[in-house]
Full PDB file with SEQRES, HELIX, SHEET, SSBOND, CRYST1, ORIGX, SCALE, CONECT and MASTER records, all heavy atoms in Angstrom:
SEQRES   1 A   40  TYR SER LYS GLU TYR LEU PRO THR LEU ILE HIS GLU PHE          
SEQRES   2 A   40  ASN HIS SER PHE ILE ASN HIS PHE LEU ASP GLU ASN LYS          
SEQRES   3 A   40  TYR PRO ASP TYR VAL LYS GLU LEU GLU PRO ALA ALA THR          
SEQRES   4 A   40  ASP                                                          
HELIX    1 AA1 LYS A    3  TYR A    5  5                                   3    
HELIX    2 AA2 LEU A    6  ILE A   18  1                                  13    
HELIX    3 AA3 ASN A   19  LEU A   22  5                                   4    
HELIX    4 AA4 PRO A   28  THR A   39  1                                  12    
CRYST1    1.000    1.000    1.000  90.00  90.00  90.00 P 1           1          
ORIGX1      1.000000  0.000000  0.000000        0.00000                         
ORIGX2      0.000000  1.000000  0.000000        0.00000                         
ORIGX3      0.000000  0.000000  1.000000        0.00000                         
SCALE1      1.000000  0.000000  0.000000        0.00000                         
SCALE2      0.000000  1.000000  0.000000        0.00000                         
SCALE3      0.000000  0.000000  1.000000        0.00000                         
ATOM      1  N   TYR A   1     -60.296  47.680 -34.873  1.00  0.00           N  
ATOM      2  CA  TYR A   1     -59.232  47.231 -33.960  1.00  0.00           C  
ATOM      3  C   TYR A   1     -59.000  48.332 -32.961  1.00  0.00           C  
ATOM      4  O   TYR A   1     -59.289  49.475 -33.184  1.00  0.00           O  
ATOM      5  CB  TYR A   1     -57.955  46.954 -34.724  1.00  0.00           C  
ATOM      6  CG  TYR A   1     -58.026  45.793 -35.646  1.00  0.00           C  
ATOM      7  CD1 TYR A   1     -58.332  45.956 -37.017  1.00  0.00           C  
ATOM      8  CD2 TYR A   1     -57.850  44.484 -35.178  1.00  0.00           C  
ATOM      9  CE1 TYR A   1     -58.443  44.854 -37.859  1.00  0.00           C  
ATOM     10  CE2 TYR A   1     -57.940  43.391 -36.018  1.00  0.00           C  
ATOM     11  CZ  TYR A   1     -58.255  43.578 -37.360  1.00  0.00           C  
ATOM     12  OH  TYR A   1     -58.361  42.493 -38.151  1.00  0.00           O  
ATOM     13  N   SER A   2     -58.478  47.902 -31.776  1.00  0.00           N  
ATOM     14  CA  SER A   2     -58.128  48.861 -30.731  1.00  0.00           C  
ATOM     15  C   SER A   2     -56.789  48.403 -30.128  1.00  0.00           C  
ATOM     16  O   SER A   2     -56.272  47.330 -30.433  1.00  0.00           O  
ATOM     17  CB  SER A   2     -59.210  48.889 -29.657  1.00  0.00           C  
ATOM     18  OG  SER A   2     -59.232  47.677 -28.929  1.00  0.00           O  
ATOM     19  N   LYS A   3     -56.293  49.171 -29.196  1.00  0.00           N  
ATOM     20  CA  LYS A   3     -55.027  48.866 -28.557  1.00  0.00           C  
ATOM     21  C   LYS A   3     -55.114  47.558 -27.800  1.00  0.00           C  
ATOM     22  O   LYS A   3     -54.093  46.924 -27.478  1.00  0.00           O  
ATOM     23  CB  LYS A   3     -54.594  49.994 -27.632  1.00  0.00           C  
ATOM     24  CG  LYS A   3     -53.170  49.910 -27.100  1.00  0.00           C  
ATOM     25  CD  LYS A   3     -52.836  51.037 -26.140  1.00  0.00           C  
ATOM     26  CE  LYS A   3     -51.454  50.896 -25.573  1.00  0.00           C  
ATOM     27  NZ  LYS A   3     -51.129  51.932 -24.571  1.00  0.00           N  
ATOM     28  N   GLU A   4     -56.332  47.102 -27.468  1.00  0.00           N  
ATOM     29  CA  GLU A   4     -56.504  45.858 -26.784  1.00  0.00           C  
ATOM     30  C   GLU A   4     -55.957  44.660 -27.555  1.00  0.00           C  
ATOM     31  O   GLU A   4     -55.690  43.621 -26.970  1.00  0.00           O  
ATOM     32  CB  GLU A   4     -57.987  45.617 -26.477  1.00  0.00           C  
ATOM     33  CG  GLU A   4     -58.576  46.624 -25.485  1.00  0.00           C  
ATOM     34  CD  GLU A   4     -60.066  46.416 -25.304  1.00  0.00           C  
ATOM     35  OE1 GLU A   4     -60.622  45.465 -25.895  1.00  0.00           O  
ATOM     36  OE2 GLU A   4     -60.681  47.198 -24.532  1.00  0.00           O  
ATOM     37  N   TYR A   5     -55.774  44.803 -28.854  1.00  0.00           N  
ATOM     38  CA  TYR A   5     -55.256  43.726 -29.692  1.00  0.00           C  
ATOM     39  C   TYR A   5     -53.753  43.674 -29.710  1.00  0.00           C  
ATOM     40  O   TYR A   5     -53.180  42.718 -30.240  1.00  0.00           O  
ATOM     41  CB  TYR A   5     -55.797  43.847 -31.118  1.00  0.00           C  
ATOM     42  CG  TYR A   5     -57.289  43.702 -31.203  1.00  0.00           C  
ATOM     43  CD1 TYR A   5     -58.115  44.771 -31.321  1.00  0.00           C  
ATOM     44  CD2 TYR A   5     -57.910  42.431 -31.101  1.00  0.00           C  
ATOM     45  CE1 TYR A   5     -59.517  44.649 -31.365  1.00  0.00           C  
ATOM     46  CE2 TYR A   5     -59.275  42.300 -31.173  1.00  0.00           C  
ATOM     47  CZ  TYR A   5     -60.062  43.419 -31.273  1.00  0.00           C  
ATOM     48  OH  TYR A   5     -61.434  43.300 -31.326  1.00  0.00           O  
ATOM     49  N   LEU A   6     -53.063  44.678 -29.113  1.00  0.00           N  
ATOM     50  CA  LEU A   6     -51.605  44.732 -29.141  1.00  0.00           C  
ATOM     51  C   LEU A   6     -50.975  43.545 -28.447  1.00  0.00           C  
ATOM     52  O   LEU A   6     -50.011  43.004 -28.962  1.00  0.00           O  
ATOM     53  CB  LEU A   6     -51.138  46.037 -28.543  1.00  0.00           C  
ATOM     54  CG  LEU A   6     -49.637  46.274 -28.550  1.00  0.00           C  
ATOM     55  CD1 LEU A   6     -49.028  46.118 -29.945  1.00  0.00           C  
ATOM     56  CD2 LEU A   6     -49.302  47.675 -27.981  1.00  0.00           C  
ATOM     57  N   PRO A   7     -51.452  43.118 -27.244  1.00  0.00           N  
ATOM     58  CA  PRO A   7     -50.806  41.978 -26.608  1.00  0.00           C  
ATOM     59  C   PRO A   7     -50.743  40.716 -27.499  1.00  0.00           C  
ATOM     60  O   PRO A   7     -49.807  39.925 -27.395  1.00  0.00           O  
ATOM     61  CB  PRO A   7     -51.681  41.705 -25.403  1.00  0.00           C  
ATOM     62  CG  PRO A   7     -52.222  43.079 -25.025  1.00  0.00           C  
ATOM     63  CD  PRO A   7     -52.457  43.715 -26.368  1.00  0.00           C  
ATOM     64  N   THR A   8     -51.758  40.532 -28.355  1.00  0.00           N  
ATOM     65  CA  THR A   8     -51.707  39.390 -29.263  1.00  0.00           C  
ATOM     66  C   THR A   8     -50.553  39.485 -30.258  1.00  0.00           C  
ATOM     67  O   THR A   8     -49.884  38.506 -30.516  1.00  0.00           O  
ATOM     68  CB  THR A   8     -53.061  39.317 -30.061  1.00  0.00           C  
ATOM     69  OG1 THR A   8     -54.142  39.137 -29.114  1.00  0.00           O  
ATOM     70  CG2 THR A   8     -53.049  38.125 -30.996  1.00  0.00           C  
ATOM     71  N   LEU A   9     -50.315  40.675 -30.759  1.00  0.00           N  
ATOM     72  CA  LEU A   9     -49.209  40.892 -31.662  1.00  0.00           C  
ATOM     73  C   LEU A   9     -47.883  40.660 -30.946  1.00  0.00           C  
ATOM     74  O   LEU A   9     -46.979  39.966 -31.457  1.00  0.00           O  
ATOM     75  CB  LEU A   9     -49.270  42.302 -32.259  1.00  0.00           C  
ATOM     76  CG  LEU A   9     -48.145  42.708 -33.212  1.00  0.00           C  
ATOM     77  CD1 LEU A   9     -48.121  41.779 -34.433  1.00  0.00           C  
ATOM     78  CD2 LEU A   9     -48.302  44.165 -33.657  1.00  0.00           C  
ATOM     79  N   ILE A  10     -47.752  41.247 -29.751  1.00  0.00           N  
ATOM     80  CA  ILE A  10     -46.552  41.081 -28.985  1.00  0.00           C  
ATOM     81  C   ILE A  10     -46.291  39.594 -28.704  1.00  0.00           C  
ATOM     82  O   ILE A  10     -45.160  39.103 -28.799  1.00  0.00           O  
ATOM     83  CB  ILE A  10     -46.673  41.839 -27.629  1.00  0.00           C  
ATOM     84  CG1 ILE A  10     -46.880  43.321 -27.883  1.00  0.00           C  
ATOM     85  CG2 ILE A  10     -45.415  41.623 -26.789  1.00  0.00           C  
ATOM     86  CD1 ILE A  10     -47.386  44.066 -26.674  1.00  0.00           C  
ATOM     87  N   HIS A  11     -47.352  38.862 -28.373  1.00  0.00           N  
ATOM     88  CA  HIS A  11     -47.315  37.441 -28.092  1.00  0.00           C  
ATOM     89  C   HIS A  11     -46.670  36.699 -29.297  1.00  0.00           C  
ATOM     90  O   HIS A  11     -45.687  35.905 -29.072  1.00  0.00           O  
ATOM     91  CB  HIS A  11     -48.711  36.947 -27.848  1.00  0.00           C  
ATOM     92  CG  HIS A  11     -48.851  35.476 -27.641  1.00  0.00           C  
ATOM     93  ND1 HIS A  11     -49.366  34.935 -26.486  1.00  0.00           N  
ATOM     94  CD2 HIS A  11     -48.529  34.446 -28.454  1.00  0.00           C  
ATOM     95  CE1 HIS A  11     -49.368  33.626 -26.601  1.00  0.00           C  
ATOM     96  NE2 HIS A  11     -48.880  33.302 -27.767  1.00  0.00           N  
ATOM     97  N   GLU A  12     -47.204  36.852 -30.452  1.00  0.00           N  
ATOM     98  CA  GLU A  12     -46.762  36.059 -31.601  1.00  0.00           C  
ATOM     99  C   GLU A  12     -45.266  36.240 -31.930  1.00  0.00           C  
ATOM    100  O   GLU A  12     -44.581  35.274 -32.184  1.00  0.00           O  
ATOM    101  CB  GLU A  12     -47.640  36.363 -32.837  1.00  0.00           C  
ATOM    102  CG  GLU A  12     -49.106  36.011 -32.684  1.00  0.00           C  
ATOM    103  CD  GLU A  12     -49.353  34.532 -32.385  1.00  0.00           C  
ATOM    104  OE1 GLU A  12     -48.432  33.706 -32.618  1.00  0.00           O  
ATOM    105  OE2 GLU A  12     -50.426  34.207 -31.870  1.00  0.00           O  
ATOM    106  N   PHE A  13     -44.808  37.475 -31.858  1.00  0.00           N  
ATOM    107  CA  PHE A  13     -43.393  37.704 -32.189  1.00  0.00           C  
ATOM    108  C   PHE A  13     -42.451  37.200 -31.089  1.00  0.00           C  
ATOM    109  O   PHE A  13     -41.260  36.929 -31.351  1.00  0.00           O  
ATOM    110  CB  PHE A  13     -43.151  39.175 -32.510  1.00  0.00           C  
ATOM    111  CG  PHE A  13     -43.687  39.624 -33.818  1.00  0.00           C  
ATOM    112  CD1 PHE A  13     -44.163  40.930 -34.022  1.00  0.00           C  
ATOM    113  CD2 PHE A  13     -43.769  38.753 -34.871  1.00  0.00           C  
ATOM    114  CE1 PHE A  13     -44.643  41.359 -35.244  1.00  0.00           C  
ATOM    115  CE2 PHE A  13     -44.277  39.132 -36.107  1.00  0.00           C  
ATOM    116  CZ  PHE A  13     -44.732  40.446 -36.302  1.00  0.00           C  
ATOM    117  N   ASN A  14     -42.928  37.093 -29.868  1.00  0.00           N  
ATOM    118  CA  ASN A  14     -42.101  36.542 -28.797  1.00  0.00           C  
ATOM    119  C   ASN A  14     -41.673  35.126 -29.083  1.00  0.00           C  
ATOM    120  O   ASN A  14     -40.598  34.699 -28.674  1.00  0.00           O  
ATOM    121  CB  ASN A  14     -42.857  36.603 -27.473  1.00  0.00           C  
ATOM    122  CG  ASN A  14     -42.590  37.847 -26.671  1.00  0.00           C  
ATOM    123  OD1 ASN A  14     -41.450  38.189 -26.431  1.00  0.00           O  
ATOM    124  ND2 ASN A  14     -43.658  38.509 -26.231  1.00  0.00           N  
ATOM    125  N   HIS A  15     -42.505  34.382 -29.792  1.00  0.00           N  
ATOM    126  CA  HIS A  15     -42.206  32.998 -30.090  1.00  0.00           C  
ATOM    127  C   HIS A  15     -40.842  32.844 -30.775  1.00  0.00           C  
ATOM    128  O   HIS A  15     -40.147  31.876 -30.598  1.00  0.00           O  
ATOM    129  CB  HIS A  15     -43.274  32.356 -30.925  1.00  0.00           C  
ATOM    130  CG  HIS A  15     -44.475  31.895 -30.078  1.00  0.00           C  
ATOM    131  ND1 HIS A  15     -44.372  30.848 -29.171  1.00  0.00           N  
ATOM    132  CD2 HIS A  15     -45.761  32.313 -30.040  1.00  0.00           C  
ATOM    133  CE1 HIS A  15     -45.565  30.657 -28.596  1.00  0.00           C  
ATOM    134  NE2 HIS A  15     -46.394  31.539 -29.100  1.00  0.00           N  
ATOM    135  N   SER A  16     -40.499  33.832 -31.620  1.00  0.00           N  
ATOM    136  CA  SER A  16     -39.255  33.729 -32.368  1.00  0.00           C  
ATOM    137  C   SER A  16     -38.007  33.768 -31.485  1.00  0.00           C  
ATOM    138  O   SER A  16     -36.942  33.307 -31.855  1.00  0.00           O  
ATOM    139  CB  SER A  16     -39.171  34.893 -33.387  1.00  0.00           C  
ATOM    140  OG  SER A  16     -40.262  34.838 -34.243  1.00  0.00           O  
ATOM    141  N   PHE A  17     -38.167  34.301 -30.290  1.00  0.00           N  
ATOM    142  CA  PHE A  17     -37.033  34.434 -29.335  1.00  0.00           C  
ATOM    143  C   PHE A  17     -37.064  33.343 -28.280  1.00  0.00           C  
ATOM    144  O   PHE A  17     -36.121  33.218 -27.525  1.00  0.00           O  
ATOM    145  CB  PHE A  17     -37.076  35.774 -28.660  1.00  0.00           C  
ATOM    146  CG  PHE A  17     -36.866  36.947 -29.588  1.00  0.00           C  
ATOM    147  CD1 PHE A  17     -37.918  37.498 -30.283  1.00  0.00           C  
ATOM    148  CD2 PHE A  17     -35.596  37.492 -29.802  1.00  0.00           C  
ATOM    149  CE1 PHE A  17     -37.717  38.578 -31.142  1.00  0.00           C  
ATOM    150  CE2 PHE A  17     -35.378  38.574 -30.647  1.00  0.00           C  
ATOM    151  CZ  PHE A  17     -36.470  39.107 -31.319  1.00  0.00           C  
ATOM    152  N   ILE A  18     -38.155  32.566 -28.247  1.00  0.00           N  
ATOM    153  CA  ILE A  18     -38.347  31.609 -27.158  1.00  0.00           C  
ATOM    154  C   ILE A  18     -38.298  30.154 -27.594  1.00  0.00           C  
ATOM    155  O   ILE A  18     -37.603  29.299 -27.023  1.00  0.00           O  
ATOM    156  CB  ILE A  18     -39.744  31.857 -26.476  1.00  0.00           C  
ATOM    157  CG1 ILE A  18     -39.729  33.189 -25.726  1.00  0.00           C  
ATOM    158  CG2 ILE A  18     -40.097  30.680 -25.541  1.00  0.00           C  
ATOM    159  CD1 ILE A  18     -38.894  33.208 -24.490  1.00  0.00           C  
ATOM    160  N   ASN A  19     -39.021  29.826 -28.683  1.00  0.00           N  
ATOM    161  CA  ASN A  19     -39.236  28.416 -29.022  1.00  0.00           C  
ATOM    162  C   ASN A  19     -37.979  27.597 -29.285  1.00  0.00           C  
ATOM    163  O   ASN A  19     -37.914  26.423 -28.990  1.00  0.00           O  
ATOM    164  CB  ASN A  19     -40.177  28.323 -30.253  1.00  0.00           C  
ATOM    165  CG  ASN A  19     -41.593  28.686 -29.949  1.00  0.00           C  
ATOM    166  OD1 ASN A  19     -41.854  29.325 -28.921  1.00  0.00           O  
ATOM    167  ND2 ASN A  19     -42.492  28.353 -30.832  1.00  0.00           N  
ATOM    168  N   HIS A  20     -36.950  28.210 -29.842  1.00  0.00           N  
ATOM    169  CA  HIS A  20     -35.770  27.461 -30.271  1.00  0.00           C  
ATOM    170  C   HIS A  20     -34.989  26.854 -29.097  1.00  0.00           C  
ATOM    171  O   HIS A  20     -34.213  25.923 -29.248  1.00  0.00           O  
ATOM    172  CB  HIS A  20     -34.852  28.336 -31.108  1.00  0.00           C  
ATOM    173  CG  HIS A  20     -34.254  29.516 -30.389  1.00  0.00           C  
ATOM    174  ND1 HIS A  20     -34.980  30.669 -30.175  1.00  0.00           N  
ATOM    175  CD2 HIS A  20     -33.037  29.723 -29.821  1.00  0.00           C  
ATOM    176  CE1 HIS A  20     -34.192  31.519 -29.527  1.00  0.00           C  
ATOM    177  NE2 HIS A  20     -33.049  30.969 -29.287  1.00  0.00           N  
ATOM    178  N   PHE A  21     -35.270  27.355 -27.852  1.00  0.00           N  
ATOM    179  CA  PHE A  21     -34.548  26.805 -26.712  1.00  0.00           C  
ATOM    180  C   PHE A  21     -34.964  25.377 -26.375  1.00  0.00           C  
ATOM    181  O   PHE A  21     -34.264  24.650 -25.665  1.00  0.00           O  
ATOM    182  CB  PHE A  21     -34.719  27.701 -25.476  1.00  0.00           C  
ATOM    183  CG  PHE A  21     -34.060  29.022 -25.546  1.00  0.00           C  
ATOM    184  CD1 PHE A  21     -34.798  30.211 -25.501  1.00  0.00           C  
ATOM    185  CD2 PHE A  21     -32.689  29.113 -25.762  1.00  0.00           C  
ATOM    186  CE1 PHE A  21     -34.187  31.442 -25.580  1.00  0.00           C  
ATOM    187  CE2 PHE A  21     -32.045  30.340 -25.875  1.00  0.00           C  
ATOM    188  CZ  PHE A  21     -32.808  31.504 -25.776  1.00  0.00           C  
ATOM    189  N   LEU A  22     -36.073  24.930 -26.938  1.00  0.00           N  
ATOM    190  CA  LEU A  22     -36.534  23.553 -26.753  1.00  0.00           C  
ATOM    191  C   LEU A  22     -36.411  22.748 -28.015  1.00  0.00           C  
ATOM    192  O   LEU A  22     -37.113  21.729 -28.201  1.00  0.00           O  
ATOM    193  CB  LEU A  22     -37.966  23.564 -26.214  1.00  0.00           C  
ATOM    194  CG  LEU A  22     -38.133  24.130 -24.783  1.00  0.00           C  
ATOM    195  CD1 LEU A  22     -39.563  23.990 -24.307  1.00  0.00           C  
ATOM    196  CD2 LEU A  22     -37.199  23.388 -23.789  1.00  0.00           C  
ATOM    197  N   ASP A  23     -35.518  23.172 -28.903  1.00  0.00           N  
ATOM    198  CA  ASP A  23     -35.169  22.385 -30.069  1.00  0.00           C  
ATOM    199  C   ASP A  23     -34.097  21.407 -29.665  1.00  0.00           C  
ATOM    200  O   ASP A  23     -32.983  21.764 -29.298  1.00  0.00           O  
ATOM    201  CB  ASP A  23     -34.624  23.364 -31.163  1.00  0.00           C  
ATOM    202  CG  ASP A  23     -34.346  22.634 -32.490  1.00  0.00           C  
ATOM    203  OD1 ASP A  23     -34.059  21.410 -32.445  1.00  0.00           O  
ATOM    204  OD2 ASP A  23     -34.336  23.322 -33.511  1.00  0.00           O  
ATOM    205  N   GLU A  24     -34.422  20.138 -29.748  1.00  0.00           N  
ATOM    206  CA  GLU A  24     -33.501  19.067 -29.312  1.00  0.00           C  
ATOM    207  C   GLU A  24     -32.201  19.075 -30.068  1.00  0.00           C  
ATOM    208  O   GLU A  24     -31.159  18.645 -29.539  1.00  0.00           O  
ATOM    209  CB  GLU A  24     -34.178  17.733 -29.427  1.00  0.00           C  
ATOM    210  CG  GLU A  24     -35.326  17.510 -28.434  1.00  0.00           C  
ATOM    211  CD  GLU A  24     -35.990  16.164 -28.572  1.00  0.00           C  
ATOM    212  OE1 GLU A  24     -35.611  15.443 -29.499  1.00  0.00           O  
ATOM    213  OE2 GLU A  24     -36.833  15.813 -27.726  1.00  0.00           O  
ATOM    214  N   ASN A  25     -32.209  19.565 -31.290  1.00  0.00           N  
ATOM    215  CA  ASN A  25     -30.965  19.608 -32.080  1.00  0.00           C  
ATOM    216  C   ASN A  25     -30.053  20.731 -31.628  1.00  0.00           C  
ATOM    217  O   ASN A  25     -28.809  20.598 -31.768  1.00  0.00           O  
ATOM    218  CB  ASN A  25     -31.302  19.746 -33.566  1.00  0.00           C  
ATOM    219  CG  ASN A  25     -32.075  18.557 -34.115  1.00  0.00           C  
ATOM    220  OD1 ASN A  25     -31.739  17.430 -33.825  1.00  0.00           O  
ATOM    221  ND2 ASN A  25     -33.062  18.813 -34.930  1.00  0.00           N  
ATOM    222  N   LYS A  26     -30.624  21.780 -31.096  1.00  0.00           N  
ATOM    223  CA  LYS A  26     -29.795  22.927 -30.704  1.00  0.00           C  
ATOM    224  C   LYS A  26     -29.465  22.945 -29.227  1.00  0.00           C  
ATOM    225  O   LYS A  26     -28.367  23.323 -28.828  1.00  0.00           O  
ATOM    226  CB  LYS A  26     -30.536  24.206 -31.106  1.00  0.00           C  
ATOM    227  CG  LYS A  26     -30.725  24.436 -32.584  1.00  0.00           C  
ATOM    228  CD  LYS A  26     -31.473  25.713 -32.856  1.00  0.00           C  
ATOM    229  CE  LYS A  26     -31.672  25.938 -34.350  1.00  0.00           C  
ATOM    230  NZ  LYS A  26     -32.417  27.193 -34.628  1.00  0.00           N  
ATOM    231  N   TYR A  27     -30.422  22.553 -28.400  1.00  0.00           N  
ATOM    232  CA  TYR A  27     -30.256  22.598 -26.940  1.00  0.00           C  
ATOM    233  C   TYR A  27     -30.737  21.264 -26.316  1.00  0.00           C  
ATOM    234  O   TYR A  27     -31.657  21.268 -25.507  1.00  0.00           O  
ATOM    235  CB  TYR A  27     -31.057  23.768 -26.350  1.00  0.00           C  
ATOM    236  CG  TYR A  27     -30.642  25.126 -26.860  1.00  0.00           C  
ATOM    237  CD1 TYR A  27     -31.267  25.706 -27.955  1.00  0.00           C  
ATOM    238  CD2 TYR A  27     -29.627  25.832 -26.208  1.00  0.00           C  
ATOM    239  CE1 TYR A  27     -30.894  26.974 -28.433  1.00  0.00           C  
ATOM    240  CE2 TYR A  27     -29.230  27.101 -26.687  1.00  0.00           C  
ATOM    241  CZ  TYR A  27     -29.886  27.635 -27.792  1.00  0.00           C  
ATOM    242  OH  TYR A  27     -29.449  28.880 -28.250  1.00  0.00           O  
ATOM    243  N   PRO A  28     -30.051  20.197 -26.598  1.00  0.00           N  
ATOM    244  CA  PRO A  28     -30.473  18.883 -26.081  1.00  0.00           C  
ATOM    245  C   PRO A  28     -30.469  18.827 -24.524  1.00  0.00           C  
ATOM    246  O   PRO A  28     -31.284  18.161 -23.944  1.00  0.00           O  
ATOM    247  CB  PRO A  28     -29.490  17.881 -26.685  1.00  0.00           C  
ATOM    248  CG  PRO A  28     -28.301  18.736 -27.088  1.00  0.00           C  
ATOM    249  CD  PRO A  28     -28.850  20.053 -27.458  1.00  0.00           C  
ATOM    250  N   ASP A  29     -29.497  19.510 -23.925  1.00  0.00           N  
ATOM    251  CA  ASP A  29     -29.385  19.469 -22.460  1.00  0.00           C  
ATOM    252  C   ASP A  29     -30.590  20.187 -21.826  1.00  0.00           C  
ATOM    253  O   ASP A  29     -31.078  19.765 -20.791  1.00  0.00           O  
ATOM    254  CB  ASP A  29     -28.095  20.121 -21.996  1.00  0.00           C  
ATOM    255  CG  ASP A  29     -26.864  19.279 -22.385  1.00  0.00           C  
ATOM    256  OD1 ASP A  29     -27.059  18.071 -22.683  1.00  0.00           O  
ATOM    257  OD2 ASP A  29     -25.745  19.839 -22.451  1.00  0.00           O  
ATOM    258  N   TYR A  30     -31.013  21.327 -22.423  1.00  0.00           N  
ATOM    259  CA  TYR A  30     -32.184  22.029 -21.878  1.00  0.00           C  
ATOM    260  C   TYR A  30     -33.405  21.137 -21.917  1.00  0.00           C  
ATOM    261  O   TYR A  30     -34.184  21.057 -20.935  1.00  0.00           O  
ATOM    262  CB  TYR A  30     -32.449  23.290 -22.740  1.00  0.00           C  
ATOM    263  CG  TYR A  30     -31.493  24.444 -22.504  1.00  0.00           C  
ATOM    264  CD1 TYR A  30     -30.467  24.367 -21.576  1.00  0.00           C  
ATOM    265  CD2 TYR A  30     -31.654  25.608 -23.225  1.00  0.00           C  
ATOM    266  CE1 TYR A  30     -29.615  25.426 -21.366  1.00  0.00           C  
ATOM    267  CE2 TYR A  30     -30.816  26.712 -23.030  1.00  0.00           C  
ATOM    268  CZ  TYR A  30     -29.755  26.602 -22.088  1.00  0.00           C  
ATOM    269  OH  TYR A  30     -28.905  27.662 -21.927  1.00  0.00           O  
ATOM    270  N   VAL A  31     -33.571  20.460 -23.046  1.00  0.00           N  
ATOM    271  CA  VAL A  31     -34.772  19.606 -23.227  1.00  0.00           C  
ATOM    272  C   VAL A  31     -34.734  18.451 -22.205  1.00  0.00           C  
ATOM    273  O   VAL A  31     -35.726  18.170 -21.534  1.00  0.00           O  
ATOM    274  CB  VAL A  31     -34.822  19.050 -24.660  1.00  0.00           C  
ATOM    275  CG1 VAL A  31     -35.952  18.026 -24.794  1.00  0.00           C  
ATOM    276  CG2 VAL A  31     -35.005  20.186 -25.651  1.00  0.00           C  
ATOM    277  N   LYS A  32     -33.597  17.778 -22.087  1.00  0.00           N  
ATOM    278  CA  LYS A  32     -33.460  16.642 -21.194  1.00  0.00           C  
ATOM    279  C   LYS A  32     -33.704  17.032 -19.726  1.00  0.00           C  
ATOM    280  O   LYS A  32     -34.375  16.310 -18.979  1.00  0.00           O  
ATOM    281  CB  LYS A  32     -32.089  16.048 -21.343  1.00  0.00           C  
ATOM    282  CG  LYS A  32     -31.852  14.802 -20.500  1.00  0.00           C  
ATOM    283  CD  LYS A  32     -30.445  14.225 -20.732  1.00  0.00           C  
ATOM    284  CE  LYS A  32     -30.211  12.976 -19.896  1.00  0.00           C  
ATOM    285  NZ  LYS A  32     -28.856  12.434 -20.094  1.00  0.00           N  
ATOM    286  N   GLU A  33     -33.194  18.200 -19.322  1.00  0.00           N  
ATOM    287  CA  GLU A  33     -33.303  18.627 -17.942  1.00  0.00           C  
ATOM    288  C   GLU A  33     -34.716  19.084 -17.590  1.00  0.00           C  
ATOM    289  O   GLU A  33     -35.204  18.882 -16.471  1.00  0.00           O  
ATOM    290  CB  GLU A  33     -32.288  19.725 -17.640  1.00  0.00           C  
ATOM    291  CG  GLU A  33     -32.214  20.096 -16.177  1.00  0.00           C  
ATOM    292  CD  GLU A  33     -31.111  21.085 -15.892  1.00  0.00           C  
ATOM    293  OE1 GLU A  33     -30.388  21.493 -16.820  1.00  0.00           O  
ATOM    294  OE2 GLU A  33     -30.974  21.513 -14.715  1.00  0.00           O  
ATOM    295  N   LEU A  34     -35.371  19.707 -18.551  1.00  0.00           N  
ATOM    296  CA  LEU A  34     -36.699  20.340 -18.269  1.00  0.00           C  
ATOM    297  C   LEU A  34     -37.867  19.321 -18.441  1.00  0.00           C  
ATOM    298  O   LEU A  34     -38.900  19.455 -17.806  1.00  0.00           O  
ATOM    299  CB  LEU A  34     -36.921  21.502 -19.192  1.00  0.00           C  
ATOM    300  CG  LEU A  34     -38.167  22.338 -19.048  1.00  0.00           C  
ATOM    301  CD1 LEU A  34     -38.333  22.826 -17.584  1.00  0.00           C  
ATOM    302  CD2 LEU A  34     -38.118  23.528 -19.999  1.00  0.00           C  
ATOM    303  N   GLU A  35     -37.660  18.303 -19.256  1.00  0.00           N  
ATOM    304  CA  GLU A  35     -38.767  17.427 -19.645  1.00  0.00           C  
ATOM    305  C   GLU A  35     -39.534  16.782 -18.487  1.00  0.00           C  
ATOM    306  O   GLU A  35     -40.756  16.831 -18.472  1.00  0.00           O  
ATOM    307  CB  GLU A  35     -38.279  16.325 -20.608  1.00  0.00           C  
ATOM    308  CG  GLU A  35     -39.413  15.444 -21.123  1.00  0.00           C  
ATOM    309  CD  GLU A  35     -38.949  14.461 -22.187  1.00  0.00           C  
ATOM    310  OE1 GLU A  35     -37.726  14.385 -22.426  1.00  0.00           O  
ATOM    311  OE2 GLU A  35     -39.818  13.793 -22.765  1.00  0.00           O  
ATOM    312  N   PRO A  36     -38.867  16.209 -17.475  1.00  0.00           N  
ATOM    313  CA  PRO A  36     -39.670  15.540 -16.401  1.00  0.00           C  
ATOM    314  C   PRO A  36     -40.596  16.497 -15.682  1.00  0.00           C  
ATOM    315  O   PRO A  36     -41.796  16.153 -15.494  1.00  0.00           O  
ATOM    316  CB  PRO A  36     -38.570  14.999 -15.483  1.00  0.00           C  
ATOM    317  CG  PRO A  36     -37.371  14.830 -16.346  1.00  0.00           C  
ATOM    318  CD  PRO A  36     -37.417  15.969 -17.295  1.00  0.00           C  
ATOM    319  N   ALA A  37     -40.069  17.628 -15.254  1.00  0.00           N  
ATOM    320  CA  ALA A  37     -40.919  18.582 -14.490  1.00  0.00           C  
ATOM    321  C   ALA A  37     -42.039  19.156 -15.407  1.00  0.00           C  
ATOM    322  O   ALA A  37     -43.175  19.293 -14.977  1.00  0.00           O  
ATOM    323  CB  ALA A  37     -40.062  19.699 -13.945  1.00  0.00           C  
ATOM    324  N   ALA A  38     -41.636  19.494 -16.642  1.00  0.00           N  
ATOM    325  CA  ALA A  38     -42.622  20.099 -17.545  1.00  0.00           C  
ATOM    326  C   ALA A  38     -43.696  19.112 -17.930  1.00  0.00           C  
ATOM    327  O   ALA A  38     -44.860  19.473 -18.150  1.00  0.00           O  
ATOM    328  CB  ALA A  38     -41.911  20.612 -18.782  1.00  0.00           C  
ATOM    329  N   THR A  39     -43.342  17.839 -18.010  1.00  0.00           N  
ATOM    330  CA  THR A  39     -44.340  16.803 -18.323  1.00  0.00           C  
ATOM    331  C   THR A  39     -45.362  16.697 -17.188  1.00  0.00           C  
ATOM    332  O   THR A  39     -46.563  16.532 -17.420  1.00  0.00           O  
ATOM    333  CB  THR A  39     -43.634  15.445 -18.529  1.00  0.00           C  
ATOM    334  OG1 THR A  39     -42.733  15.558 -19.670  1.00  0.00           O  
ATOM    335  CG2 THR A  39     -44.655  14.388 -18.825  1.00  0.00           C  
ATOM    336  N   ASP A  40     -44.864  16.757 -15.946  1.00  0.00           N  
ATOM    337  CA  ASP A  40     -45.783  16.756 -14.799  1.00  0.00           C  
ATOM    338  C   ASP A  40     -46.794  17.952 -14.853  1.00  0.00           C  
ATOM    339  O   ASP A  40     -47.968  17.743 -14.615  1.00  0.00           O  
ATOM    340  CB  ASP A  40     -45.006  16.815 -13.502  1.00  0.00           C  
ATOM    341  CG  ASP A  40     -44.366  15.479 -13.126  1.00  0.00           C  
ATOM    342  OD1 ASP A  40     -44.739  14.448 -13.750  1.00  0.00           O  
ATOM    343  OD2 ASP A  40     -43.478  15.436 -12.255  1.00  0.00           O  
TER     344      ASP A  40                                                      
MASTER        0    0    0    4    0    0    0    6  343    1    0    4          
END                                                                             
């Protein structure tokens, strides 16, 4: 392994701080507002 693999590790842990914003149970307004543009 080398330092080149660090971005992959950083990437995976970022998901814990990001993904929940598109949880319809927690942030339904975010999902509703973003869906049309994101679908395009």
